């Protein structure tokens, strides 16, 4: 791996092991694209914790937005390993642009510390902030729009199960996440095998709903392997 690829791989393994584990099952070219996408997403997630006031966070969000726009315009990528890898992996693809742009736009909301009024408010945000990235990943695997929309819902359920207690304690998110997952699961089971590395982490949703955010490293690996190997 070159430096940018290795950087994104190591960074993703540290910040989002679930998606990193699932992406390992993709063939090398697709694995590079998924890892670059997820690493870019992980940078967006960290912005609120890295700034002391919303205006500074907005500047960082805009920096990522502008970096993407420059790549799509054919310009040389900015000197940042994740942006370089985004460019090298072809993530300026128009097929995923709406999904990625939705995630970038959603990254600004946590800057203002407003919280979420209820589970509807939470899941509306999670669909863009988290689910859109999973939809983009499936689109990279050739998934059609119908599958991407279902994956977006499943991604919101996964994020709520994994982090909902921190994002919106006491808002009834667990019941909503379980409902969304039950609806999405049959569709995901029938998805083309090529999409599996972009979706396998979503099958951890029931485990997170049951066990909470505490680590279950062995079970996690077994479930992701099962999702890949046994028709999900």
Protein backbone atom coordinates (compact mmCIF):
# COMPACT_ATOMS: atom_id res chain seq x y z
CA UNK A 1 0.00 0.00 0.00
CA UNK A 2 1.16 3.54 -0.61
CA UNK A 3 1.28 6.05 2.23
CA UNK A 4 -2.22 7.50 1.73
CA UNK A 5 -3.81 4.05 1.43
CA UNK A 6 -1.99 2.77 4.52
CA UNK A 7 -2.95 5.91 6.44
CA UNK A 8 -6.65 5.51 5.66
CA UNK A 9 -6.57 1.80 6.46
CA UNK A 10 -4.93 2.31 9.87
CA UNK A 11 -7.13 5.29 10.69
CA UNK A 12 -10.35 3.45 9.84
CA UNK A 13 -9.34 0.40 11.84
CA UNK A 14 -8.85 2.63 14.87
CA UNK A 15 -11.98 4.78 14.48
CA UNK A 16 -14.58 2.46 12.96
CA UNK A 17 -13.61 -1.16 13.31
CA UNK A 18 -17.05 -2.41 12.22
CA UNK A 19 -16.84 -0.94 8.74
CA UNK A 20 -13.13 -1.75 8.52
CA UNK A 21 -13.78 -5.43 9.23
CA UNK A 22 -16.54 -5.66 6.64
CA UNK A 23 -14.49 -3.88 3.98
CA UNK A 24 -11.67 -6.46 4.39
CA UNK A 25 -13.85 -8.92 2.47
CA UNK A 26 -13.98 -6.73 -0.64
CA UNK A 27 -11.57 -7.34 -3.54
CA UNK A 28 -8.59 -4.93 -3.43
CA UNK A 29 -9.85 -2.17 -5.76
CA UNK A 30 -13.24 -2.02 -4.07
CA UNK A 31 -11.64 -2.32 -0.63
CA UNK A 32 -9.57 0.78 -1.37
CA UNK A 33 -12.67 2.73 -2.40
CA UNK A 34 -14.68 1.66 0.65
CA UNK A 35 -11.80 2.41 3.02
CA UNK A 36 -11.28 5.87 1.51
CA UNK A 37 -15.00 6.62 1.76
CA UNK A 38 -15.20 5.50 5.39
CA UNK A 39 -12.01 7.33 6.34
CA UNK A 40 -13.43 10.54 4.86
CA UNK A 41 -16.61 9.96 6.86
CA UNK A 42 -14.62 9.40 10.05
CA UNK A 43 -13.00 12.81 9.60
CA UNK A 44 -16.42 14.45 9.39
CA UNK A 45 -17.51 12.71 12.58
CA UNK A 46 -14.57 14.09 14.54
CA UNK A 47 -15.03 17.73 13.60
CA UNK A 48 -17.33 18.71 16.53
CA UNK A 49 -14.82 17.41 19.07
CA UNK A 50 -11.94 19.27 17.50
CA UNK A 51 -13.31 22.81 17.63
CA UNK A 52 -14.29 25.18 20.39
CA UNK A 53 -17.06 27.04 18.60
CA UNK A 54 -19.49 26.31 15.74
CA UNK A 55 -17.97 28.81 13.30
CA UNK A 56 -14.65 26.97 13.40
CA UNK A 57 -16.43 23.69 12.78
CA UNK A 58 -18.32 25.15 9.84
CA UNK A 59 -14.97 26.15 8.33
CA UNK A 60 -13.74 22.57 8.61
CA UNK A 61 -16.94 21.17 7.09
CA UNK A 62 -16.62 23.64 4.22
CA UNK A 63 -12.99 22.61 3.75
CA UNK A 64 -14.09 19.02 3.13
CA UNK A 65 -16.91 20.19 0.85
CA UNK A 66 -14.48 22.30 -1.20
CA UNK A 67 -11.94 19.48 -1.37
CA UNK A 68 -14.55 17.20 -2.89
CA UNK A 69 -15.66 19.87 -5.35
CA UNK A 70 -12.09 20.35 -6.53
CA UNK A 71 -11.62 16.64 -7.14
CA UNK A 72 -14.88 16.48 -9.09
CA UNK A 73 -13.69 19.42 -11.17
CA UNK A 74 -10.56 17.50 -12.10
CA UNK A 75 -8.20 19.57 -10.00
CA UNK A 76 -5.22 18.15 -8.16
CA UNK A 77 -6.30 16.94 -4.69
CA UNK A 78 -5.32 18.88 -1.61
CA UNK A 79 -2.22 17.71 0.27
CA UNK A 80 -4.01 15.59 2.83
CA UNK A 81 -3.72 11.76 2.89
CA UNK A 82 -7.46 11.17 3.10
CA UNK A 83 -8.27 13.64 0.32
CA UNK A 84 -5.48 12.18 -1.80
CA UNK A 85 -6.94 8.71 -1.28
CA UNK A 86 -10.46 9.93 -2.04
CA UNK A 87 -9.13 11.19 -5.37
CA UNK A 88 -7.09 8.06 -6.09
CA UNK A 89 -10.02 5.78 -5.28
CA UNK A 90 -12.34 7.59 -7.67
CA UNK A 91 -14.78 8.83 -5.07
CA UNK A 92 -15.61 11.86 -7.19
CA UNK A 93 -17.98 9.52 -9.02
CA UNK A 94 -21.31 11.23 -9.75
CA UNK A 95 -23.12 8.02 -8.79
CA UNK A 96 -22.33 8.57 -5.11
CA UNK A 97 -22.18 12.39 -5.02
CA UNK A 98 -25.70 12.93 -3.58
CA UNK A 99 -25.05 10.49 -0.74
CA UNK A 100 -21.63 11.89 0.15
CA UNK A 101 -22.86 15.48 -0.06
CA UNK A 102 -25.73 14.64 2.30
CA UNK A 103 -23.26 13.30 4.87
CA UNK A 104 -21.07 16.41 4.57
CA UNK A 105 -24.05 18.72 5.03
CA UNK A 106 -25.24 16.72 8.06
CA UNK A 107 -21.84 17.01 9.74
CA UNK A 108 -22.54 20.59 10.75
CA UNK A 109 -25.51 19.94 13.03
CA UNK A 110 -23.62 18.51 16.06
CA UNK A 111 -21.52 21.68 16.14
CA UNK A 112 -24.38 23.57 17.76
CA UNK A 113 -25.10 21.14 20.60
CA UNK A 114 -28.84 21.36 20.13
CA UNK A 115 -29.53 17.67 20.66
CA UNK A 116 -32.57 15.93 19.21
CA UNK A 117 -36.20 16.64 20.03
CA UNK A 118 -37.37 13.03 19.61
CA UNK A 119 -36.62 9.81 17.74
CA UNK A 120 -38.02 11.23 14.49
CA UNK A 121 -35.56 14.11 14.68
CA UNK A 122 -32.69 11.75 15.51
CA UNK A 123 -33.38 9.33 12.69
CA UNK A 124 -33.91 12.10 10.15
CA UNK A 125 -30.37 13.26 10.91
CA UNK A 126 -28.89 9.75 11.08
CA UNK A 127 -30.19 8.92 7.61
CA UNK A 128 -27.95 11.63 6.20
CA UNK A 129 -25.06 11.65 8.65
CA UNK A 130 -24.59 7.87 8.76
CA UNK A 131 -26.99 6.01 6.47
CA UNK A 132 -26.02 8.05 3.42
CA UNK A 133 -22.44 6.82 3.72
CA UNK A 134 -23.63 3.21 3.75
CA UNK A 135 -25.81 3.96 0.72
CA UNK A 136 -22.79 5.46 -1.04
CA UNK A 137 -20.78 2.33 -0.23
CA UNK A 138 -23.45 0.10 -1.77
CA UNK A 139 -23.61 2.37 -4.82
CA UNK A 140 -19.85 1.87 -5.21
CA UNK A 141 -20.59 -1.85 -5.33
CA UNK A 142 -23.10 -1.34 -8.13
CA UNK A 143 -26.24 -1.33 -6.00
CA UNK A 144 -29.30 0.31 -7.51
CA UNK A 145 -31.18 3.25 -6.02
CA UNK A 146 -33.84 1.06 -4.40
CA UNK A 147 -31.23 -0.96 -2.52
CA UNK A 148 -29.33 2.19 -1.58
CA UNK A 149 -32.45 3.73 -0.03
CA UNK A 150 -33.06 0.60 2.07
CA UNK A 151 -29.41 0.57 3.12
CA UNK A 152 -29.69 4.22 4.13
CA UNK A 153 -32.50 3.27 6.53
CA UNK A 154 -30.52 0.29 7.82
CA UNK A 155 -27.48 2.51 8.30
CA UNK A 156 -29.52 4.87 10.44
CA UNK A 157 -30.71 1.91 12.53
CA UNK A 158 -27.14 0.63 12.91
CA UNK A 159 -25.85 4.03 14.01
CA UNK A 160 -28.69 4.45 16.49
CA UNK A 161 -28.09 0.99 17.95
CA UNK A 162 -24.35 1.63 18.26
CA UNK A 163 -24.43 5.24 19.45
CA UNK A 164 -28.02 6.28 20.10
CA UNK A 165 -27.63 6.26 23.85
CA UNK A 166 -24.99 8.96 23.55
CA UNK A 167 -26.75 10.95 20.84
CA UNK A 168 -30.25 10.97 22.30
CA UNK A 169 -30.66 9.20 25.63
CA UNK A 170 -34.23 8.36 26.53
CA UNK A 171 -35.71 9.25 23.14
CA UNK A 172 -37.08 5.78 22.30
CA UNK A 173 -34.41 5.24 19.66
CA UNK A 174 -34.01 1.51 20.39
CA UNK A 175 -37.57 0.64 19.40
CA UNK A 176 -37.29 2.73 16.26
CA UNK A 177 -33.93 1.21 15.34
CA UNK A 178 -35.31 -2.29 15.80
CA UNK A 179 -38.32 -1.47 13.63
CA UNK A 180 -36.16 -0.07 10.82
CA UNK A 181 -33.82 -3.04 10.99
CA UNK A 182 -36.67 -5.58 10.78
CA UNK A 183 -37.97 -3.86 7.64
CA UNK A 184 -34.56 -3.61 5.98
CA UNK A 185 -33.17 -7.05 6.79
CA UNK A 186 -35.17 -9.11 4.22
CA UNK A 187 -34.08 -6.75 1.43
CA UNK A 188 -30.43 -6.87 2.48
CA UNK A 189 -30.51 -10.66 2.54
CA UNK A 190 -31.52 -10.69 -1.13
CA UNK A 191 -28.95 -8.12 -2.25
CA UNK A 192 -26.22 -9.17 -4.73
CA UNK A 193 -23.20 -10.79 -3.13
CA UNK A 194 -20.93 -8.07 -4.51
CA UNK A 195 -22.62 -5.61 -2.13
CA UNK A 196 -21.96 -7.70 0.97
CA UNK A 197 -18.71 -6.00 2.07
CA UNK A 198 -20.55 -2.66 2.09
CA UNK A 199 -23.42 -4.05 4.18
CA UNK A 200 -22.07 -6.75 6.47
CA UNK A 201 -21.46 -4.37 9.39
CA UNK A 202 -25.17 -3.51 9.37
CA UNK A 203 -25.90 -7.03 10.58
CA UNK A 204 -24.34 -6.06 13.91
CA UNK A 205 -27.41 -3.93 14.63
CA UNK A 206 -29.24 -6.59 16.70
CA UNK A 207 -26.09 -7.25 18.73
CA UNK A 208 -25.72 -3.55 19.52
CA UNK A 209 -29.39 -3.34 20.46
CA UNK A 210 -28.90 -6.28 22.81
CA UNK A 211 -25.45 -5.61 24.24
CA UNK A 212 -25.18 -1.83 23.95
CA UNK A 213 -21.99 -0.05 22.93
CA UNK A 214 -19.68 -2.25 24.96
CA UNK A 215 -17.18 -4.25 22.92
CA UNK A 216 -17.99 -7.79 21.80
CA UNK A 217 -14.94 -8.37 19.59
CA UNK A 218 -15.26 -12.10 18.91
CA UNK A 219 -19.02 -12.02 18.31
CA UNK A 220 -18.53 -9.03 16.01
CA UNK A 221 -16.11 -10.91 13.81
CA UNK A 222 -18.27 -14.01 13.70
CA UNK A 223 -21.35 -12.03 12.71
CA UNK A 224 -19.56 -10.12 9.96
CA UNK A 225 -18.05 -13.33 8.60
CA UNK A 226 -21.46 -14.98 8.69
CA UNK A 227 -23.02 -12.07 6.85
CA UNK A 228 -20.43 -12.43 4.10
CA UNK A 229 -20.24 -16.23 3.90
CA UNK A 230 -23.76 -17.46 4.45
CA UNK A 231 -25.95 -15.25 2.27
CA UNK A 232 -26.23 -12.78 5.13
